[in-house]
Protein backbone atom coordinates (compact mmCIF):
# COMPACT_ATOMS: atom_id res chain seq x y z
CA MET A 1 84.81 -45.80 9.82
CA VAL A 2 83.64 -42.20 9.75
CA ASP A 3 83.28 -42.38 5.96
CA THR A 4 80.91 -45.32 6.39
CA PHE A 5 78.79 -43.33 8.84
CA ASP A 6 78.77 -40.34 6.49
CA LEU A 7 77.55 -42.55 3.66
CA ALA A 8 74.90 -44.16 5.87
CA ILE A 9 73.72 -40.80 7.15
CA GLY A 10 73.57 -39.39 3.63
CA THR A 11 71.50 -42.36 2.47
CA ALA A 12 69.18 -42.18 5.48
CA GLU A 13 68.73 -38.44 5.03
CA ALA A 14 67.95 -38.85 1.32
CA ARG A 15 65.42 -41.59 2.12
CA TRP A 16 63.76 -39.41 4.76
CA LYS A 17 63.58 -36.38 2.45
CA ARG A 18 62.09 -38.47 -0.36
CA ALA A 19 59.47 -39.96 1.97
CA VAL A 20 58.50 -36.50 3.26
CA ASP A 21 58.28 -35.23 -0.32
CA LEU A 22 55.99 -38.10 -1.34
CA LEU A 23 53.81 -37.59 1.71
CA TRP A 24 53.52 -33.85 0.99
CA ARG A 25 52.61 -34.39 -2.66
CA GLU A 26 49.99 -37.00 -1.80
CA ALA A 27 48.41 -34.76 0.84
CA VAL A 28 48.24 -31.78 -1.53
CA TRP A 29 46.83 -33.95 -4.32
CA LEU A 30 44.18 -35.36 -1.98
CA ARG A 31 43.03 -31.87 -0.98
CA ARG A 32 42.62 -30.84 -4.60
CA GLN A 33 40.65 -33.91 -5.68
CA ARG A 34 37.01 -34.68 -5.18
CA LEU A 35 37.16 -38.43 -4.89
CA GLU A 36 34.56 -41.10 -4.34
CA ALA A 37 34.44 -42.70 -0.90
CA ARG A 38 36.23 -45.88 -1.99
CA GLU A 39 39.02 -43.93 -3.62
CA ARG A 40 39.38 -41.65 -0.58
CA GLU A 41 39.86 -44.71 1.64
CA ARG A 42 42.63 -46.00 -0.66
CA VAL A 43 44.37 -42.62 -0.48
CA ARG A 44 44.02 -42.49 3.31
CA ARG A 45 45.71 -45.90 3.57
CA ARG A 46 48.49 -44.70 1.29
CA LEU A 47 49.00 -41.60 3.44
CA ALA A 48 49.16 -43.76 6.57
CA ASN A 49 51.77 -45.97 4.93
CA LEU A 50 53.79 -42.94 3.83
CA ARG A 51 53.70 -41.58 7.39
CA LYS A 52 55.11 -44.90 8.65
CA ILE A 53 57.87 -44.72 6.05
CA VAL A 54 58.71 -41.15 7.12
CA ARG A 55 58.87 -42.12 10.79
CA LYS A 56 61.04 -45.17 10.05
CA ALA A 57 63.42 -43.19 7.81
CA LEU A 58 63.78 -40.43 10.40
CA SER A 59 64.42 -42.99 13.12
CA GLU A 60 67.10 -44.65 10.98
CA TYR A 61 68.70 -41.29 10.24
CA HIS A 62 68.71 -40.37 13.93
CA ALA A 63 70.17 -43.73 15.02
CA THR A 64 72.95 -43.51 12.44
CA ALA A 65 73.76 -39.93 13.43
CA LEU A 66 73.97 -40.94 17.09
CA ALA A 67 76.23 -43.89 16.24
CA ARG A 68 78.50 -41.60 14.24
CA GLN A 69 78.62 -39.08 17.06
CA SER A 70 79.52 -41.74 19.63
CA ALA A 71 82.20 -43.16 17.29
CA ARG A 72 83.75 -39.68 16.98
CA THR A 73 83.82 -39.15 20.75
CA LYS A 74 85.55 -42.54 21.24
CA SER A 75 88.29 -41.67 18.73
């Protein structure tokens, strides 16, 4: 059972790190570009979506870590 939690936590952590990396790259790219208003709005929506993905991935990682911790204390 613990191996399953370790795998789930590893996957959740990788997903969270990838989402944070994408968000960081997009934010840096946006700062360096001089975009037209329509293009800026598209990028802002993408950043908002990436933030949602980061929050969801972190929440999943946290929930899995808590489940693993409670499974270990029950054993």
